Amino acid sequence: MDSVDENIGRLLDYLEESGLAENTVVIYSSDQGWYLGEHGWYDKRWMYEESFRTPLIIRWPDVTPASSENADLVQNLDYAQTFLDICGVQSPKNMQGASITPTLHGKKPKY
C-alpha cells in the first residue's frame, strides 16, 4: 500500500506541476484481492462483503467535491460507460453497464 500511495502521489504531483490537474480526471480502482482466512475461506467468490467491495476513488476537479463519499452501488462494468460519458462519446447500444457520471455530479441514481 505504501508503494501505491507513493506513486499516486507522484502522479498527482506531476499533474499539478505540469498544469494538467484541473483538466484531468483521475480514477483509481482495484481488485479486492484474496481472502486471508476470513470466514474460514481462502477464495473471493462468496457472498461476503469482502468478496464484492472494491475501492473506487475518483478525482474530478470542479465536478466531484474533494473528500466527498458516496455509498451507491457501482460495478466494474460501469467503468467503460463512464469513461465514454466523461469524454462525450455515445456508448454503443450493445454495451452493458451504466455511466456513473450523474452520481459524480451529485445526483442520486434511479434504481
Protein backbone atom coordinates (compact mmCIF):
# COMPACT_ATOMS: atom_id res chain seq x y z
CA MET A 1 0.00 0.00 0.00
CA ASP A 2 2.88 2.36 0.70
CA SER A 3 4.10 1.98 -2.88
CA VAL A 4 0.63 2.59 -4.32
CA ASP A 5 0.17 5.66 -2.12
CA GLU A 6 3.62 7.00 -3.03
CA ASN A 7 3.13 6.54 -6.76
CA ILE A 8 -0.36 8.01 -6.85
CA GLY A 9 1.15 10.99 -5.02
CA ARG A 10 3.84 11.22 -7.70
CA LEU A 11 1.18 11.18 -10.42
CA LEU A 12 -0.89 13.89 -8.73
CA ASP A 13 2.24 15.99 -8.15
CA TYR A 14 3.14 15.71 -11.84
CA LEU A 15 -0.36 16.76 -12.88
CA GLU A 16 -0.11 19.82 -10.61
CA GLU A 17 3.40 20.78 -11.75
CA SER A 18 2.53 20.42 -15.45
CA GLY A 19 -0.72 22.39 -15.21
CA LEU A 20 -2.85 19.39 -16.13
CA ALA A 21 -4.51 18.79 -12.74
CA GLU A 22 -7.64 20.86 -13.35
CA ASN A 23 -8.26 19.23 -16.73
CA THR A 24 -7.65 15.59 -15.78
CA VAL A 25 -9.99 13.03 -14.25
CA VAL A 26 -8.06 10.57 -12.06
CA ILE A 27 -9.76 7.24 -11.36
CA TYR A 28 -8.33 4.57 -9.09
CA SER A 29 -9.88 1.17 -8.64
CA SER A 30 -8.55 -2.20 -7.70
CA ASP A 31 -9.40 -5.80 -7.25
CA GLN A 32 -10.44 -6.86 -3.78
CA GLY A 33 -7.62 -9.40 -3.59
CA TRP A 34 -7.82 -12.75 -1.85
CA TYR A 35 -9.28 -13.69 1.49
CA LEU A 36 -6.77 -14.11 4.24
CA GLY A 37 -8.83 -16.68 6.11
CA GLU A 38 -11.88 -14.54 6.88
CA HIS A 39 -14.96 -16.73 7.34
CA GLY A 40 -12.69 -19.77 7.01
CA TRP A 41 -12.31 -19.26 3.25
CA TYR A 42 -9.31 -18.52 1.03
CA ASP A 43 -11.14 -17.59 -2.16
CA LYS A 44 -13.16 -14.47 -3.00
CA ARG A 45 -16.14 -15.86 -4.88
CA TRP A 46 -18.56 -15.83 -1.97
CA MET A 47 -21.42 -13.68 -0.77
CA TYR A 48 -19.45 -12.00 2.00
CA GLU A 49 -18.74 -8.28 1.94
CA GLU A 50 -15.00 -8.80 1.44
CA SER A 51 -15.77 -10.56 -1.85
CA PHE A 52 -17.58 -7.76 -3.58
CA ARG A 53 -16.40 -4.47 -2.08
CA THR A 54 -13.63 -2.86 -4.10
CA PRO A 55 -12.01 0.56 -3.87
CA LEU A 56 -13.08 3.26 -6.30
CA ILE A 57 -11.62 6.73 -5.88
CA ILE A 58 -12.30 9.49 -8.40
CA ARG A 59 -10.77 12.95 -8.56
CA TRP A 60 -12.66 15.18 -10.97
CA PRO A 61 -11.91 18.86 -10.33
CA ASP A 62 -14.90 21.22 -10.40
CA VAL A 63 -17.32 18.28 -10.62
CA THR A 64 -16.91 15.99 -7.62
CA PRO A 65 -16.09 17.78 -4.35
CA ALA A 66 -12.86 16.68 -2.66
CA SER A 67 -13.37 14.28 0.27
CA SER A 68 -16.96 13.52 -0.76
CA GLU A 69 -18.21 9.98 -0.23
CA ASN A 70 -20.98 8.00 -1.86
CA ALA A 71 -22.48 4.64 -0.88
CA ASP A 72 -24.40 3.94 -4.11
CA LEU A 73 -23.60 0.65 -5.83
CA VAL A 74 -21.22 0.62 -8.78
CA GLN A 75 -19.92 -2.32 -10.77
CA ASN A 76 -16.74 -2.50 -12.78
CA LEU A 77 -18.82 -2.97 -15.94
CA ASP A 78 -19.94 0.66 -15.41
CA TYR A 79 -16.39 1.95 -15.86
CA ALA A 80 -16.25 1.85 -19.68
CA GLN A 81 -19.62 3.60 -19.93
CA THR A 82 -18.36 6.23 -17.50
CA PHE A 83 -15.11 6.83 -19.42
CA LEU A 84 -17.03 7.28 -22.67
CA ASP A 85 -19.52 9.61 -20.99
CA ILE A 86 -16.77 11.78 -19.49
CA CYS A 87 -15.23 12.08 -22.97
CA GLY A 88 -18.58 12.98 -24.53
CA VAL A 89 -18.72 9.81 -26.62
CA GLN A 90 -22.03 7.98 -27.01
CA SER A 91 -21.93 4.39 -25.82
CA PRO A 92 -22.75 1.61 -28.25
CA LYS A 93 -26.21 0.16 -27.63
CA ASN A 94 -24.82 -3.35 -27.10
CA MET A 95 -22.60 -2.33 -24.15
CA GLN A 96 -23.64 -3.34 -20.66
CA GLY A 97 -23.33 -1.10 -17.64
CA ALA A 98 -24.32 2.48 -16.96
CA SER A 99 -22.31 5.65 -16.64
CA ILE A 100 -21.87 6.85 -13.08
CA THR A 101 -21.22 10.46 -14.13
CA PRO A 102 -24.62 11.60 -12.79
CA THR A 103 -23.59 10.26 -9.39
CA LEU A 104 -20.26 12.10 -9.67
CA HIS A 105 -22.27 15.27 -10.31
CA GLY A 106 -24.10 14.63 -7.02
CA LYS A 107 -27.31 13.17 -8.46
CA LYS A 108 -28.98 10.12 -6.94
CA PRO A 109 -29.15 7.12 -9.32
CA LYS A 110 -32.52 5.77 -10.42
CA TYR A 111 -32.87 2.14 -9.44
